[in-house]
């Protein structure tokens, strides 16, 4: 595995004035910041935006910080879909190894502008926008590009269903624990009362002799 920027073949393409120091992420005002969906590490921002590709549900950046991305040394070939026939190296989050996207090495002509850049899978990321009136350097995402940065309704519904299932399971476990604790308390109280009754001179109605 190699990190972004480690070799000429896998070197980040930074614009003048947008170079990101190792281990840091440039967060230009009004930029969109991207986080790994798995571990929430910040992996890039939109200051080097190239384009979105709705057919692939991806977006492409010119560069990514070297310490946030790990690039596979193995090339793969796409056998179906909009990028059919393309060869690419996958890249992943350097913190948790969650696969984030592809660096295309060969593509059909209509995807030529993606070559050697970082094409992120929108579904592998979380994102938020830094609010400011100052424009980001580099071409910002167009309004139509934001669609791929938002989860599909079906995906949202699926996540909500999973959360609901987890919450219900946790609720059932809590109720079961509460029931067991209450039962244990009652059992302890009964045992204590029975033990008290068996002790000489102790119990209800007993009086201390004078």
C-alpha atoms as a PDB file:
ATOM      1  CA  UNK A   1       0.000   0.000   0.000  1.00  0.00           C
ATOM      2  CA  UNK A   2       1.180   3.537  -0.623  1.00  0.00           C
ATOM      3  CA  UNK A   3       0.055   6.857   0.758  1.00  0.00           C
ATOM      4  CA  UNK A   4      -1.151   9.727  -1.379  1.00  0.00           C
ATOM      5  CA  UNK A   5       1.834  11.719  -2.560  1.00  0.00           C
ATOM      6  CA  UNK A   6       4.440   8.999  -1.927  1.00  0.00           C
ATOM      7  CA  UNK A   7       5.463   8.526  -5.572  1.00  0.00           C
ATOM      8  CA  UNK A   8       5.256  10.255  -8.947  1.00  0.00           C
ATOM      9  CA  UNK A   9       2.652   7.750 -10.101  1.00  0.00           C
ATOM     10  CA  UNK A  10       0.439   8.396  -7.100  1.00  0.00           C
ATOM     11  CA  UNK A  11       1.350  12.036  -6.403  1.00  0.00           C
ATOM     12  CA  UNK A  12      -1.392  14.457  -5.371  1.00  0.00           C
ATOM     13  CA  UNK A  13      -2.109  17.233  -7.858  1.00  0.00           C
ATOM     14  CA  UNK A  14      -2.244  20.388  -5.768  1.00  0.00           C
ATOM     15  CA  UNK A  15      -3.212  23.775  -7.160  1.00  0.00           C
ATOM     16  CA  UNK A  16      -0.944  26.734  -6.364  1.00  0.00           C
ATOM     17  CA  UNK A  17      -1.972  28.112  -2.997  1.00  0.00           C
ATOM     18  CA  UNK A  18      -3.968  24.974  -2.123  1.00  0.00           C
ATOM     19  CA  UNK A  19      -1.157  22.692  -1.030  1.00  0.00           C
ATOM     20  CA  UNK A  20      -2.008  20.829   2.127  1.00  0.00           C
ATOM     21  CA  UNK A  21       0.741  20.040   4.593  1.00  0.00           C
ATOM     22  CA  UNK A  22       1.148  16.446   5.644  1.00  0.00           C
ATOM     23  CA  UNK A  23      -1.344  15.461   8.324  1.00  0.00           C
ATOM     24  CA  UNK A  24      -3.496  18.537   7.805  1.00  0.00           C
ATOM     25  CA  UNK A  25      -6.635  19.348   5.864  1.00  0.00           C
ATOM     26  CA  UNK A  26      -7.158  22.775   4.294  1.00  0.00           C
ATOM     27  CA  UNK A  27     -10.619  23.966   5.210  1.00  0.00           C
ATOM     28  CA  UNK A  28     -11.240  26.996   3.056  1.00  0.00           C
ATOM     29  CA  UNK A  29     -14.256  29.090   4.071  1.00  0.00           C
ATOM     30  CA  UNK A  30     -17.423  27.749   2.428  1.00  0.00           C
ATOM     31  CA  UNK A  31     -15.655  24.528   1.546  1.00  0.00           C
ATOM     32  CA  UNK A  32     -17.336  21.182   1.992  1.00  0.00           C
ATOM     33  CA  UNK A  33     -15.418  18.950   4.389  1.00  0.00           C
ATOM     34  CA  UNK A  34     -15.514  15.197   3.816  1.00  0.00           C
ATOM     35  CA  UNK A  35     -15.216  12.595   6.558  1.00  0.00           C
ATOM     36  CA  UNK A  36     -14.778   8.840   6.394  1.00  0.00           C
ATOM     37  CA  UNK A  37     -18.189   7.330   7.095  1.00  0.00           C
ATOM     38  CA  UNK A  38     -16.630   4.557   9.180  1.00  0.00           C
ATOM     39  CA  UNK A  39     -14.353   6.432  11.600  1.00  0.00           C
ATOM     40  CA  UNK A  40     -15.224  10.110  10.894  1.00  0.00           C
ATOM     41  CA  UNK A  41     -11.642  11.074  10.127  1.00  0.00           C
ATOM     42  CA  UNK A  42     -11.515  14.160   7.896  1.00  0.00           C
ATOM     43  CA  UNK A  43     -10.119  12.941   4.592  1.00  0.00           C
ATOM     44  CA  UNK A  44     -10.503  15.862   2.159  1.00  0.00           C
ATOM     45  CA  UNK A  45     -12.358  19.056   1.298  1.00  0.00           C
ATOM     46  CA  UNK A  46     -13.882  20.566  -1.832  1.00  0.00           C
ATOM     47  CA  UNK A  47     -11.257  23.249  -2.493  1.00  0.00           C
ATOM     48  CA  UNK A  48      -9.801  21.148  -5.328  1.00  0.00           C
ATOM     49  CA  UNK A  49     -13.156  20.062  -6.752  1.00  0.00           C
ATOM     50  CA  UNK A  50     -13.072  18.712 -10.313  1.00  0.00           C
ATOM     51  CA  UNK A  51     -16.544  17.353 -11.024  1.00  0.00           C
ATOM     52  CA  UNK A  52     -19.342  15.071  -9.894  1.00  0.00           C
ATOM     53  CA  UNK A  53     -20.335  11.943 -11.819  1.00  0.00           C
ATOM     54  CA  UNK A  54     -23.976  11.157 -10.936  1.00  0.00           C
ATOM     55  CA  UNK A  55     -23.924   7.907 -12.957  1.00  0.00           C
ATOM     56  CA  UNK A  56     -21.297   6.555 -10.554  1.00  0.00           C
ATOM     57  CA  UNK A  57     -22.499   8.500  -7.481  1.00  0.00           C
ATOM     58  CA  UNK A  58     -18.983   9.855  -7.150  1.00  0.00           C
ATOM     59  CA  UNK A  59     -17.184  13.170  -7.081  1.00  0.00           C
ATOM     60  CA  UNK A  60     -13.593  13.873  -8.032  1.00  0.00           C
ATOM     61  CA  UNK A  61     -10.972  16.046  -6.341  1.00  0.00           C
ATOM     62  CA  UNK A  62      -7.563  17.004  -7.660  1.00  0.00           C
ATOM     63  CA  UNK A  63      -5.865  16.192  -4.362  1.00  0.00           C
ATOM     64  CA  UNK A  64      -6.213  14.723  -0.898  1.00  0.00           C
ATOM     65  CA  UNK A  65      -3.973  15.114   2.175  1.00  0.00           C
ATOM     66  CA  UNK A  66      -1.209  12.513   2.212  1.00  0.00           C
ATOM     67  CA  UNK A  67      -1.849  11.390   5.785  1.00  0.00           C
ATOM     68  CA  UNK A  68      -5.554  10.696   5.351  1.00  0.00           C
ATOM     69  CA  UNK A  69      -5.472   8.449   2.289  1.00  0.00           C
ATOM     70  CA  UNK A  70      -3.792   5.110   1.607  1.00  0.00           C
ATOM     71  CA  UNK A  71      -3.581   4.050  -2.042  1.00  0.00           C
ATOM     72  CA  UNK A  72      -3.529   0.438  -3.172  1.00  0.00           C
ATOM     73  CA  UNK A  73      -0.558  -0.567  -5.321  1.00  0.00           C
ATOM     74  CA  UNK A  74      -2.741  -3.078  -7.167  1.00  0.00           C
ATOM     75  CA  UNK A  75      -4.679  -2.049 -10.262  1.00  0.00           C
ATOM     76  CA  UNK A  76      -8.181  -3.365 -10.864  1.00  0.00           C
ATOM     77  CA  UNK A  77     -10.489  -3.268 -13.876  1.00  0.00           C
ATOM     78  CA  UNK A  78     -14.156  -2.318 -13.890  1.00  0.00           C
ATOM     79  CA  UNK A  79     -16.252  -4.968 -15.651  1.00  0.00           C
ATOM     80  CA  UNK A  80     -19.605  -3.212 -15.587  1.00  0.00           C
ATOM     81  CA  UNK A  81     -21.318   0.111 -15.121  1.00  0.00           C
ATOM     82  CA  UNK A  82     -20.592   3.620 -16.322  1.00  0.00           C
ATOM     83  CA  UNK A  83     -16.811   3.148 -15.946  1.00  0.00           C
ATOM     84  CA  UNK A  84     -16.741  -0.172 -17.825  1.00  0.00           C
ATOM     85  CA  UNK A  85     -13.231  -1.059 -18.980  1.00  0.00           C
ATOM     86  CA  UNK A  86     -11.493   1.474 -16.742  1.00  0.00           C
ATOM     87  CA  UNK A  87      -8.450   0.525 -14.698  1.00  0.00           C
ATOM     88  CA  UNK A  88      -7.989   2.053 -11.282  1.00  0.00           C
ATOM     89  CA  UNK A  89      -6.232   1.891  -7.928  1.00  0.00           C
ATOM     90  CA  UNK A  90      -8.500   1.877  -4.903  1.00  0.00           C
ATOM     91  CA  UNK A  91      -7.760   4.189  -2.002  1.00  0.00           C
ATOM     92  CA  UNK A  92      -8.909   3.934   1.588  1.00  0.00           C
ATOM     93  CA  UNK A  93      -8.997   5.838   4.853  1.00  0.00           C
ATOM     94  CA  UNK A  94      -5.554   5.722   6.461  1.00  0.00           C
ATOM     95  CA  UNK A  95      -7.131   5.467   9.907  1.00  0.00           C
ATOM     96  CA  UNK A  96      -9.583   2.568   9.514  1.00  0.00           C
ATOM     97  CA  UNK A  97      -8.891   1.186   5.968  1.00  0.00           C
ATOM     98  CA  UNK A  98     -12.491   1.876   4.886  1.00  0.00           C
ATOM     99  CA  UNK A  99     -12.455   2.047   1.056  1.00  0.00           C
ATOM    100  CA  UNK A 100     -13.260   5.582  -0.059  1.00  0.00           C
ATOM    101  CA  UNK A 101     -12.877   5.577  -3.842  1.00  0.00           C
ATOM    102  CA  UNK A 102     -10.714   5.099  -6.913  1.00  0.00           C
ATOM    103  CA  UNK A 103      -7.874   6.739  -8.790  1.00  0.00           C
ATOM    104  CA  UNK A 104      -8.540   6.016 -12.462  1.00  0.00           C
ATOM    105  CA  UNK A 105      -5.509   5.221 -14.618  1.00  0.00           C
ATOM    106  CA  UNK A 106      -7.316   4.430 -17.869  1.00  0.00           C
ATOM    107  CA  UNK A 107     -10.892   5.399 -18.718  1.00  0.00           C
ATOM    108  CA  UNK A 108     -13.367   5.717 -21.569  1.00  0.00           C
ATOM    109  CA  UNK A 109     -13.014   9.060 -23.339  1.00  0.00           C
ATOM    110  CA  UNK A 110     -16.005  10.576 -21.536  1.00  0.00           C
ATOM    111  CA  UNK A 111     -14.234  10.031 -18.191  1.00  0.00           C
ATOM    112  CA  UNK A 112     -10.802  11.269 -19.287  1.00  0.00           C
ATOM    113  CA  UNK A 113     -10.930  14.226 -16.887  1.00  0.00           C
ATOM    114  CA  UNK A 114     -11.026  11.838 -13.908  1.00  0.00           C
ATOM    115  CA  UNK A 115      -7.652  10.243 -14.623  1.00  0.00           C
ATOM    116  CA  UNK A 116      -5.024  10.408 -11.877  1.00  0.00           C
ATOM    117  CA  UNK A 117      -7.344  12.331  -9.588  1.00  0.00           C
ATOM    118  CA  UNK A 118      -9.175  11.183  -6.458  1.00  0.00           C
ATOM    119  CA  UNK A 119     -12.683   9.955  -7.280  1.00  0.00           C
ATOM    120  CA  UNK A 120     -14.589   9.487  -4.021  1.00  0.00           C
ATOM    121  CA  UNK A 121     -17.591   7.233  -3.535  1.00  0.00           C
ATOM    122  CA  UNK A 122     -20.221   9.584  -2.079  1.00  0.00           C
ATOM    123  CA  UNK A 123     -21.790   6.760  -0.063  1.00  0.00           C
ATOM    124  CA  UNK A 124     -18.475   6.148   1.762  1.00  0.00           C
ATOM    125  CA  UNK A 125     -18.402   9.642   3.260  1.00  0.00           C
ATOM    126  CA  UNK A 126     -20.115  12.095   5.539  1.00  0.00           C
ATOM    127  CA  UNK A 127     -19.888  15.780   4.717  1.00  0.00           C
ATOM    128  CA  UNK A 128     -20.591  19.217   6.123  1.00  0.00           C
ATOM    129  CA  UNK A 129     -20.162  22.732   4.775  1.00  0.00           C
ATOM    130  CA  UNK A 130     -18.243  25.485   6.504  1.00  0.00           C
ATOM    131  CA  UNK A 131     -20.434  28.581   6.487  1.00  0.00           C
ATOM    132  CA  UNK A 132     -18.951  31.783   5.094  1.00  0.00           C
ATOM    133  CA  UNK A 133     -19.531  34.420   2.469  1.00  0.00           C
ATOM    134  CA  UNK A 134     -16.007  33.931   1.142  1.00  0.00           C
ATOM    135  CA  UNK A 135     -15.808  31.751  -1.991  1.00  0.00           C
ATOM    136  CA  UNK A 136     -13.702  28.599  -1.931  1.00  0.00           C
ATOM    137  CA  UNK A 137     -10.621  28.581  -4.133  1.00  0.00           C
ATOM    138  CA  UNK A 138     -11.056  26.337  -7.132  1.00  0.00           C
ATOM    139  CA  UNK A 139     -14.330  25.430  -8.848  1.00  0.00           C
ATOM    140  CA  UNK A 140     -16.991  24.759  -6.193  1.00  0.00           C
ATOM    141  CA  UNK A 141     -19.573  22.003  -6.522  1.00  0.00           C
ATOM    142  CA  UNK A 142     -22.537  23.070  -8.617  1.00  0.00           C
ATOM    143  CA  UNK A 143     -26.014  22.922  -7.114  1.00  0.00           C
ATOM    144  CA  UNK A 144     -26.772  19.821  -9.150  1.00  0.00           C
ATOM    145  CA  UNK A 145     -23.673  18.126  -7.729  1.00  0.00           C
ATOM    146  CA  UNK A 146     -24.997  18.274  -4.187  1.00  0.00           C
ATOM    147  CA  UNK A 147     -27.473  15.516  -4.988  1.00  0.00           C
ATOM    148  CA  UNK A 148     -24.738  12.867  -4.870  1.00  0.00           C
ATOM    149  CA  UNK A 149     -23.563  14.163  -1.495  1.00  0.00           C
ATOM    150  CA  UNK A 150     -26.941  13.407   0.043  1.00  0.00           C
ATOM    151  CA  UNK A 151     -27.943   9.839   0.892  1.00  0.00           C
ATOM    152  CA  UNK A 152     -30.656   8.219  -1.189  1.00  0.00           C
ATOM    153  CA  UNK A 153     -34.113   8.112   0.499  1.00  0.00           C
ATOM    154  CA  UNK A 154     -33.970   4.323   0.514  1.00  0.00           C
ATOM    155  CA  UNK A 155     -30.587   4.437   2.241  1.00  0.00           C
ATOM    156  CA  UNK A 156     -31.928   6.854   4.855  1.00  0.00           C
ATOM    157  CA  UNK A 157     -34.965   4.653   5.441  1.00  0.00           C
ATOM    158  CA  UNK A 158     -32.727   1.607   5.792  1.00  0.00           C
ATOM    159  CA  UNK A 159     -30.492   3.359   8.320  1.00  0.00           C
ATOM    160  CA  UNK A 160     -33.527   4.534  10.293  1.00  0.00           C
ATOM    161  CA  UNK A 161     -34.926   1.002  10.290  1.00  0.00           C
ATOM    162  CA  UNK A 162     -31.616  -0.340  11.597  1.00  0.00           C
ATOM    163  CA  UNK A 163     -31.507   2.345  14.290  1.00  0.00           C
ATOM    164  CA  UNK A 164     -35.100   1.569  15.270  1.00  0.00           C
ATOM    165  CA  UNK A 165     -34.303  -2.136  15.524  1.00  0.00           C
ATOM    166  CA  UNK A 166     -31.250  -1.448  17.689  1.00  0.00           C
ATOM    167  CA  UNK A 167     -33.174   0.950  19.933  1.00  0.00           C
ATOM    168  CA  UNK A 168     -36.032  -1.528  20.362  1.00  0.00           C
ATOM    169  CA  UNK A 169     -33.568  -4.306  21.191  1.00  0.00           C
ATOM    170  CA  UNK A 170     -31.869  -2.073  23.747  1.00  0.00           C
ATOM    171  CA  UNK A 171     -35.258  -1.139  25.209  1.00  0.00           C
ATOM    172  CA  UNK A 172     -36.204  -4.814  25.566  1.00  0.00           C
ATOM    173  CA  UNK A 173     -32.880  -5.550  27.278  1.00  0.00           C
ATOM    174  CA  UNK A 174     -33.348  -2.642  29.687  1.00  0.00           C
ATOM    175  CA  UNK A 175     -36.878  -3.764  30.529  1.00  0.00           C
ATOM    176  CA  UNK A 176     -35.638  -7.312  31.097  1.00  0.00           C
ATOM    177  CA  UNK A 177     -32.871  -6.046  33.382  1.00  0.00           C
ATOM    178  CA  UNK A 178     -35.353  -3.914  35.323  1.00  0.00           C
ATOM    179  CA  UNK A 179     -37.617  -6.940  35.731  1.00  0.00           C
ATOM    180  CA  UNK A 180     -34.718  -9.104  36.921  1.00  0.00           C
ATOM    181  CA  UNK A 181     -33.573  -6.436  39.394  1.00  0.00           C
ATOM    182  CA  UNK A 182     -37.116  -6.059  40.764  1.00  0.00           C
ATOM    183  CA  UNK A 183     -37.449  -9.835  41.082  1.00  0.00           C
ATOM    184  CA  UNK A 184     -34.089 -10.036  42.829  1.00  0.00           C
ATOM    185  CA  UNK A 185     -35.110  -7.300  45.264  1.00  0.00           C
ATOM    186  CA  UNK A 186     -38.401  -9.074  46.077  1.00  0.00           C
ATOM    187  CA  UNK A 187     -36.599 -12.378  46.545  1.00  0.00           C
ATOM    188  CA  UNK A 188     -34.036 -10.750  48.831  1.00  0.00           C
ATOM    189  CA  UNK A 189     -36.792  -9.084  50.863  1.00  0.00           C
ATOM    190  CA  UNK A 190     -38.691 -12.403  51.254  1.00  0.00           C
ATOM    191  CA  UNK A 191     -35.514 -14.250  52.278  1.00  0.00           C
ATOM    192  CA  UNK A 192     -34.675 -11.556  54.846  1.00  0.00           C
ATOM    193  CA  UNK A 193     -38.206 -11.648  56.296  1.00  0.00           C
ATOM    194  CA  UNK A 194     -38.175 -15.451  56.510  1.00  0.00           C
ATOM    195  CA  UNK A 195     -34.774 -15.412  58.178  1.00  0.00           C
ATOM    196  CA  UNK A 196     -35.970 -12.824  60.675  1.00  0.00           C
ATOM    197  CA  UNK A 197     -38.970 -14.942  61.557  1.00  0.00           C
ATOM    198  CA  UNK A 198     -36.745 -17.953  62.279  1.00  0.00           C
ATOM    199  CA  UNK A 199     -34.550 -16.058  64.757  1.00  0.00           C
ATOM    200  CA  UNK A 200     -35.543 -16.476  68.449  1.00  0.00           C
ATOM    201  CA  UNK A 201     -37.150 -13.391  69.886  1.00  0.00           C
ATOM    202  CA  UNK A 202     -37.214 -11.661  66.534  1.00  0.00           C
ATOM    203  CA  UNK A 203     -40.240 -11.117  64.380  1.00  0.00           C
ATOM    204  CA  UNK A 204     -43.539  -9.485  64.357  1.00  0.00           C
ATOM    205  CA  UNK A 205     -45.263  -9.275  67.712  1.00  0.00           C
ATOM    206  CA  UNK A 206     -42.120 -10.136  69.701  1.00  0.00           C
ATOM    207  CA  UNK A 207     -41.309  -8.007  72.695  1.00  0.00           C
ATOM    208  CA  UNK A 208     -38.159  -7.525  74.646  1.00  0.00           C
ATOM    209  CA  UNK A 209     -38.399  -9.046  78.117  1.00  0.00           C
ATOM    210  CA  UNK A 210     -37.680  -6.777  81.046  1.00  0.00           C
END
